[in-house]
C-alpha atoms as a PDB file:
ATOM      1  CA  UNK A   1       6.896 -21.930  -0.695  1.00  0.00           C
ATOM      2  CA  UNK A   2       4.435 -19.337   0.637  1.00  0.00           C
ATOM      3  CA  UNK A   3       1.749 -19.120  -1.592  1.00  0.00           C
ATOM      4  CA  UNK A   4      -1.926 -19.481  -0.913  1.00  0.00           C
ATOM      5  CA  UNK A   5      -5.131 -18.836  -2.564  1.00  0.00           C
ATOM      6  CA  UNK A   6      -4.316 -18.647  -6.302  1.00  0.00           C
ATOM      7  CA  UNK A   7      -5.046 -15.374  -8.200  1.00  0.00           C
ATOM      8  CA  UNK A   8      -4.305 -12.939 -11.038  1.00  0.00           C
ATOM      9  CA  UNK A   9      -3.752  -9.227  -9.487  1.00  0.00           C
ATOM     10  CA  UNK A  10      -4.921  -6.312 -11.117  1.00  0.00           C
ATOM     11  CA  UNK A  11      -2.621  -3.933 -12.374  1.00  0.00           C
ATOM     12  CA  UNK A  12      -2.689  -1.842  -9.215  1.00  0.00           C
ATOM     13  CA  UNK A  13      -1.319  -5.145  -7.431  1.00  0.00           C
ATOM     14  CA  UNK A  14       1.050  -6.797  -8.634  1.00  0.00           C
ATOM     15  CA  UNK A  15       2.204  -9.432  -5.928  1.00  0.00           C
ATOM     16  CA  UNK A  16       3.158  -6.193  -3.900  1.00  0.00           C
ATOM     17  CA  UNK A  17       4.878  -7.741  -0.647  1.00  0.00           C
ATOM     18  CA  UNK A  18       5.386  -5.630   2.706  1.00  0.00           C
ATOM     19  CA  UNK A  19       6.935  -6.452   6.051  1.00  0.00           C
ATOM     20  CA  UNK A  20       6.307  -4.693   9.281  1.00  0.00           C
ATOM     21  CA  UNK A  21       9.816  -5.165  10.189  1.00  0.00           C
ATOM     22  CA  UNK A  22      11.774  -4.440   7.765  1.00  0.00           C
ATOM     23  CA  UNK A  23       9.464  -1.803   6.586  1.00  0.00           C
ATOM     24  CA  UNK A  24       9.890  -2.415   2.975  1.00  0.00           C
ATOM     25  CA  UNK A  25       7.806  -3.132  -0.022  1.00  0.00           C
ATOM     26  CA  UNK A  26       9.070  -5.371  -2.662  1.00  0.00           C
ATOM     27  CA  UNK A  27       7.305  -5.190  -6.112  1.00  0.00           C
ATOM     28  CA  UNK A  28       7.011  -7.351  -9.266  1.00  0.00           C
ATOM     29  CA  UNK A  29       7.162  -4.486 -11.742  1.00  0.00           C
ATOM     30  CA  UNK A  30       7.515  -5.967 -15.274  1.00  0.00           C
ATOM     31  CA  UNK A  31       9.355  -8.670 -17.422  1.00  0.00           C
ATOM     32  CA  UNK A  32       9.622 -10.121 -21.165  1.00  0.00           C
ATOM     33  CA  UNK A  33      11.020 -12.936 -22.772  1.00  0.00           C
ATOM     34  CA  UNK A  34      12.449 -12.934 -26.125  1.00  0.00           C
ATOM     35  CA  UNK A  35      14.365 -15.488 -28.528  1.00  0.00           C
ATOM     36  CA  UNK A  36      13.119 -18.345 -26.676  1.00  0.00           C
ATOM     37  CA  UNK A  37      13.708 -21.757 -28.913  1.00  0.00           C
ATOM     38  CA  UNK A  38      14.561 -24.961 -28.044  1.00  0.00           C
ATOM     39  CA  UNK A  39      15.749 -28.509 -29.395  1.00  0.00           C
ATOM     40  CA  UNK A  40      14.717 -31.912 -27.625  1.00  0.00           C
ATOM     41  CA  UNK A  41      16.822 -31.302 -24.380  1.00  0.00           C
ATOM     42  CA  UNK A  42      18.797 -27.340 -24.978  1.00  0.00           C
ATOM     43  CA  UNK A  43      16.799 -23.958 -24.716  1.00  0.00           C
ATOM     44  CA  UNK A  44      17.681 -20.642 -25.950  1.00  0.00           C
ATOM     45  CA  UNK A  45      16.241 -17.641 -24.172  1.00  0.00           C
ATOM     46  CA  UNK A  46      16.769 -14.284 -22.735  1.00  0.00           C
ATOM     47  CA  UNK A  47      14.797 -12.851 -19.808  1.00  0.00           C
ATOM     48  CA  UNK A  48      14.648  -9.159 -18.334  1.00  0.00           C
ATOM     49  CA  UNK A  49      12.582  -9.037 -14.858  1.00  0.00           C
ATOM     50  CA  UNK A  50      12.239  -5.569 -13.067  1.00  0.00           C
ATOM     51  CA  UNK A  51      11.227  -5.217  -9.606  1.00  0.00           C
ATOM     52  CA  UNK A  52      10.439  -2.467  -7.174  1.00  0.00           C
ATOM     53  CA  UNK A  53      11.646  -1.744  -4.058  1.00  0.00           C
ATOM     54  CA  UNK A  54      10.121   0.777  -1.804  1.00  0.00           C
ATOM     55  CA  UNK A  55      11.315   1.390   1.954  1.00  0.00           C
ATOM     56  CA  UNK A  56       7.697   2.437   3.378  1.00  0.00           C
ATOM     57  CA  UNK A  57       8.695   3.881   6.246  1.00  0.00           C
ATOM     58  CA  UNK A  58       7.608   7.612   6.234  1.00  0.00           C
ATOM     59  CA  UNK A  59      10.532  10.275   6.519  1.00  0.00           C
ATOM     60  CA  UNK A  60      11.164  11.037  10.561  1.00  0.00           C
ATOM     61  CA  UNK A  61      10.524  13.835  12.420  1.00  0.00           C
ATOM     62  CA  UNK A  62      14.086  13.741  14.098  1.00  0.00           C
ATOM     63  CA  UNK A  63      17.243  12.516  12.418  1.00  0.00           C
ATOM     64  CA  UNK A  64      17.705   9.495  15.094  1.00  0.00           C
ATOM     65  CA  UNK A  65      14.740   8.069  14.195  1.00  0.00           C
ATOM     66  CA  UNK A  66      15.397   7.197  10.309  1.00  0.00           C
ATOM     67  CA  UNK A  67      14.844   3.974   9.291  1.00  0.00           C
ATOM     68  CA  UNK A  68      17.176   3.234   6.891  1.00  0.00           C
ATOM     69  CA  UNK A  69      17.780  -0.111   4.713  1.00  0.00           C
ATOM     70  CA  UNK A  70      20.987  -1.512   2.332  1.00  0.00           C
ATOM     71  CA  UNK A  71      20.860  -4.269   0.475  1.00  0.00           C
ATOM     72  CA  UNK A  72      23.599  -6.031  -0.830  1.00  0.00           C
ATOM     73  CA  UNK A  73      24.493  -9.405  -3.111  1.00  0.00           C
ATOM     74  CA  UNK A  74      21.027  -9.193  -4.755  1.00  0.00           C
ATOM     75  CA  UNK A  75      20.436 -11.937  -7.451  1.00  0.00           C
ATOM     76  CA  UNK A  76      17.439 -13.938  -9.355  1.00  0.00           C
ATOM     77  CA  UNK A  77      16.756 -16.699 -10.394  1.00  0.00           C
ATOM     78  CA  UNK A  78      14.714 -18.000 -13.393  1.00  0.00           C
ATOM     79  CA  UNK A  79      13.051 -21.596 -12.419  1.00  0.00           C
ATOM     80  CA  UNK A  80      10.733 -23.799 -14.326  1.00  0.00           C
ATOM     81  CA  UNK A  81       8.105 -26.005 -12.394  1.00  0.00           C
ATOM     82  CA  UNK A  82       8.471 -29.168 -14.199  1.00  0.00           C
ATOM     83  CA  UNK A  83       5.172 -30.620 -12.076  1.00  0.00           C
ATOM     84  CA  UNK A  84       4.054 -30.262  -8.407  1.00  0.00           C
ATOM     85  CA  UNK A  85       7.126 -32.431  -6.827  1.00  0.00           C
ATOM     86  CA  UNK A  86       9.902 -31.217  -9.564  1.00  0.00           C
ATOM     87  CA  UNK A  87      11.330 -27.662 -10.740  1.00  0.00           C
ATOM     88  CA  UNK A  88      14.191 -26.774 -13.092  1.00  0.00           C
ATOM     89  CA  UNK A  89      16.803 -23.841 -12.590  1.00  0.00           C
ATOM     90  CA  UNK A  90      17.332 -22.294 -15.930  1.00  0.00           C
ATOM     91  CA  UNK A  91      19.306 -19.311 -15.180  1.00  0.00           C
ATOM     92  CA  UNK A  92      20.851 -17.012 -12.659  1.00  0.00           C
ATOM     93  CA  UNK A  93      21.532 -13.286 -12.813  1.00  0.00           C
ATOM     94  CA  UNK A  94      24.473 -11.199 -12.298  1.00  0.00           C
ATOM     95  CA  UNK A  95      24.757  -9.935  -8.869  1.00  0.00           C
ATOM     96  CA  UNK A  96      23.400  -6.470  -8.362  1.00  0.00           C
ATOM     97  CA  UNK A  97      25.463  -3.885  -6.774  1.00  0.00           C
ATOM     98  CA  UNK A  98      24.526  -3.193  -3.388  1.00  0.00           C
ATOM     99  CA  UNK A  99      22.178  -0.163  -2.748  1.00  0.00           C
ATOM    100  CA  UNK A 100      20.623   1.788   0.246  1.00  0.00           C
ATOM    101  CA  UNK A 101      17.380   3.324   0.614  1.00  0.00           C
ATOM    102  CA  UNK A 102      16.315   5.951   3.158  1.00  0.00           C
ATOM    103  CA  UNK A 103      12.564   6.462   4.195  1.00  0.00           C
ATOM    104  CA  UNK A 104      10.098   6.602   1.211  1.00  0.00           C
ATOM    105  CA  UNK A 105      12.852   5.684  -1.222  1.00  0.00           C
ATOM    106  CA  UNK A 106      11.759   3.933  -4.236  1.00  0.00           C
ATOM    107  CA  UNK A 107      14.341   2.031  -6.636  1.00  0.00           C
ATOM    108  CA  UNK A 108      13.096   0.089  -9.788  1.00  0.00           C
ATOM    109  CA  UNK A 109      16.176  -2.934 -10.381  1.00  0.00           C
ATOM    110  CA  UNK A 110      16.527  -5.381 -13.261  1.00  0.00           C
ATOM    111  CA  UNK A 111      17.620  -8.650 -13.582  1.00  0.00           C
ATOM    112  CA  UNK A 112      18.836 -10.342 -17.038  1.00  0.00           C
ATOM    113  CA  UNK A 113      18.928 -13.600 -17.839  1.00  0.00           C
ATOM    114  CA  UNK A 114      20.177 -15.847 -20.650  1.00  0.00           C
ATOM    115  CA  UNK A 115      20.352 -19.086 -21.735  1.00  0.00           C
ATOM    116  CA  UNK A 116      22.362 -20.261 -25.233  1.00  0.00           C
ATOM    117  CA  UNK A 117      21.857 -23.905 -26.363  1.00  0.00           C
ATOM    118  CA  UNK A 118      21.568 -25.095 -22.557  1.00  0.00           C
ATOM    119  CA  UNK A 119      20.821 -28.481 -21.554  1.00  0.00           C
ATOM    120  CA  UNK A 120      17.635 -28.072 -19.464  1.00  0.00           C
ATOM    121  CA  UNK A 121      16.237 -31.765 -20.368  1.00  0.00           C
ATOM    122  CA  UNK A 122      13.363 -33.627 -22.047  1.00  0.00           C
ATOM    123  CA  UNK A 123      10.829 -32.726 -19.336  1.00  0.00           C
ATOM    124  CA  UNK A 124      11.055 -28.750 -19.707  1.00  0.00           C
ATOM    125  CA  UNK A 125      11.346 -28.831 -23.533  1.00  0.00           C
ATOM    126  CA  UNK A 126       7.806 -30.795 -23.646  1.00  0.00           C
ATOM    127  CA  UNK A 127       6.507 -28.546 -20.805  1.00  0.00           C
ATOM    128  CA  UNK A 128       7.061 -25.299 -23.146  1.00  0.00           C
ATOM    129  CA  UNK A 129       6.094 -26.759 -26.170  1.00  0.00           C
ATOM    130  CA  UNK A 130       2.559 -27.594 -24.249  1.00  0.00           C
ATOM    131  CA  UNK A 131       2.332 -24.089 -22.438  1.00  0.00           C
ATOM    132  CA  UNK A 132       3.141 -22.493 -26.106  1.00  0.00           C
ATOM    133  CA  UNK A 133       0.273 -24.301 -27.656  1.00  0.00           C
ATOM    134  CA  UNK A 134      -1.929 -22.598 -24.573  1.00  0.00           C
ATOM    135  CA  UNK A 135      -0.852 -19.387 -25.708  1.00  0.00           C
ATOM    136  CA  UNK A 136       1.319 -18.294 -22.121  1.00  0.00           C
ATOM    137  CA  UNK A 137       3.742 -19.814 -20.247  1.00  0.00           C
ATOM    138  CA  UNK A 138       4.510 -19.488 -16.181  1.00  0.00           C
ATOM    139  CA  UNK A 139       8.272 -19.234 -14.787  1.00  0.00           C
ATOM    140  CA  UNK A 140       8.886 -18.567 -11.486  1.00  0.00           C
ATOM    141  CA  UNK A 141      11.435 -15.569 -10.093  1.00  0.00           C
ATOM    142  CA  UNK A 142      13.621 -16.200  -7.194  1.00  0.00           C
ATOM    143  CA  UNK A 143      15.725 -12.996  -5.365  1.00  0.00           C
ATOM    144  CA  UNK A 144      18.300 -13.512  -3.171  1.00  0.00           C
ATOM    145  CA  UNK A 145      19.447 -10.882  -1.101  1.00  0.00           C
ATOM    146  CA  UNK A 146      21.341  -9.576   2.309  1.00  0.00           C
ATOM    147  CA  UNK A 147      19.857  -6.490   3.775  1.00  0.00           C
ATOM    148  CA  UNK A 148      20.737  -4.375   7.006  1.00  0.00           C
ATOM    149  CA  UNK A 149      18.381  -2.111   8.592  1.00  0.00           C
ATOM    150  CA  UNK A 150      18.972   1.087  10.853  1.00  0.00           C
ATOM    151  CA  UNK A 151      17.233   2.690  13.216  1.00  0.00           C
ATOM    152  CA  UNK A 152      16.396   2.592  16.960  1.00  0.00           C
ATOM    153  CA  UNK A 153      18.096  -0.650  16.591  1.00  0.00           C
ATOM    154  CA  UNK A 154      20.679  -2.082  13.976  1.00  0.00           C
ATOM    155  CA  UNK A 155      20.449  -5.834  12.394  1.00  0.00           C
ATOM    156  CA  UNK A 156      21.374  -7.721   9.661  1.00  0.00           C
ATOM    157  CA  UNK A 157      19.843 -10.604   7.789  1.00  0.00           C
ATOM    158  CA  UNK A 158      19.392 -12.885   4.867  1.00  0.00           C
ATOM    159  CA  UNK A 159      15.832 -13.076   2.825  1.00  0.00           C
ATOM    160  CA  UNK A 160      14.721 -14.961  -0.722  1.00  0.00           C
ATOM    161  CA  UNK A 161      11.489 -13.881  -1.981  1.00  0.00           C
ATOM    162  CA  UNK A 162       9.605 -16.057  -4.361  1.00  0.00           C
ATOM    163  CA  UNK A 163       7.446 -14.262  -7.471  1.00  0.00           C
ATOM    164  CA  UNK A 164       5.119 -16.178  -9.125  1.00  0.00           C
ATOM    165  CA  UNK A 165       4.447 -18.470 -10.957  1.00  0.00           C
ATOM    166  CA  UNK A 166       4.827 -15.130 -13.395  1.00  0.00           C
ATOM    167  CA  UNK A 167       3.010 -15.871 -16.293  1.00  0.00           C
ATOM    168  CA  UNK A 168       4.006 -14.781 -19.603  1.00  0.00           C
ATOM    169  CA  UNK A 169       1.674 -14.217 -22.780  1.00  0.00           C
ATOM    170  CA  UNK A 170       3.269 -14.930 -25.991  1.00  0.00           C
ATOM    171  CA  UNK A 171       3.104 -12.371 -28.411  1.00  0.00           C
ATOM    172  CA  UNK A 172       3.793 -14.435 -31.749  1.00  0.00           C
ATOM    173  CA  UNK A 173       5.811 -17.483 -32.584  1.00  0.00           C
ATOM    174  CA  UNK A 174       8.950 -15.830 -32.674  1.00  0.00           C
ATOM    175  CA  UNK A 175       9.821 -17.043 -28.855  1.00  0.00           C
ATOM    176  CA  UNK A 176       8.983 -13.418 -27.414  1.00  0.00           C
ATOM    177  CA  UNK A 177       6.449 -13.035 -24.159  1.00  0.00           C
ATOM    178  CA  UNK A 178       5.491 -10.233 -22.254  1.00  0.00           C
ATOM    179  CA  UNK A 179       4.671 -10.229 -18.543  1.00  0.00           C
ATOM    180  CA  UNK A 180       0.685 -10.457 -18.011  1.00  0.00           C
ATOM    181  CA  UNK A 181       0.294 -11.392 -13.987  1.00  0.00           C
ATOM    182  CA  UNK A 182       0.937 -13.590 -11.053  1.00  0.00           C
ATOM    183  CA  UNK A 183      -0.535 -17.035 -10.907  1.00  0.00           C
ATOM    184  CA  UNK A 184       0.034 -16.787  -6.866  1.00  0.00           C
ATOM    185  CA  UNK A 185       1.537 -14.061  -4.948  1.00  0.00           C
ATOM    186  CA  UNK A 186       4.624 -13.273  -3.728  1.00  0.00           C
ATOM    187  CA  UNK A 187       6.466 -14.864  -0.738  1.00  0.00           C
ATOM    188  CA  UNK A 188       9.084 -14.067   1.483  1.00  0.00           C
ATOM    189  CA  UNK A 189      11.636 -16.181   3.644  1.00  0.00           C
ATOM    190  CA  UNK A 190      14.080 -14.146   6.040  1.00  0.00           C
ATOM    191  CA  UNK A 191      17.078 -15.418   7.985  1.00  0.00           C
ATOM    192  CA  UNK A 192      17.183 -19.401   8.466  1.00  0.00           C
ATOM    193  CA  UNK A 193      14.116 -19.805   6.474  1.00  0.00           C
ATOM    194  CA  UNK A 194      16.060 -18.420   3.689  1.00  0.00           C
ATOM    195  CA  UNK A 195      18.511 -19.950   1.831  1.00  0.00           C
ATOM    196  CA  UNK A 196      22.529 -18.689   1.915  1.00  0.00           C
ATOM    197  CA  UNK A 197      23.088 -16.065  -0.473  1.00  0.00           C
ATOM    198  CA  UNK A 198      26.280 -16.675  -2.285  1.00  0.00           C
END
């Protein structure tokens, strides 16, 4: 993980991630879950997560200086951290269609996740029950993608973005929660440091 100095950001700084090359930003926008219900070892839940992608390079003066980014095979995963050394992958979103961004372009993409009475283990169920008693629960969102950058040079690579843990405030006892902030920052891994995108 690439986390340091735990914080809860303001609404203007929700996990904004910028890299000098490629010149892009990936920002955590919003999230919610509903229908969260568990038995001794099984879990039912539905999550929705929205991420904001921006090509922060300004429009060029000359056409051949255009800096564009193309993303493909975007897929997100919901993860629950049992403790400091153990985590459980709960759900994987369908792969999002490819998209292209020119200089200054902004796009929001939503990722949906669903569990229907799936086995997650006693540790996860107990951890969620304890979190429910505190009034909030934390999940991590992990994004994988391939991208291509085109400008004065051309290259392609893959990346993994770790968002969170993402904190959800519990609205009621009917299994509903809304995003209230990131417990840590947003970390990014590229190339050999990123897991293979399937």
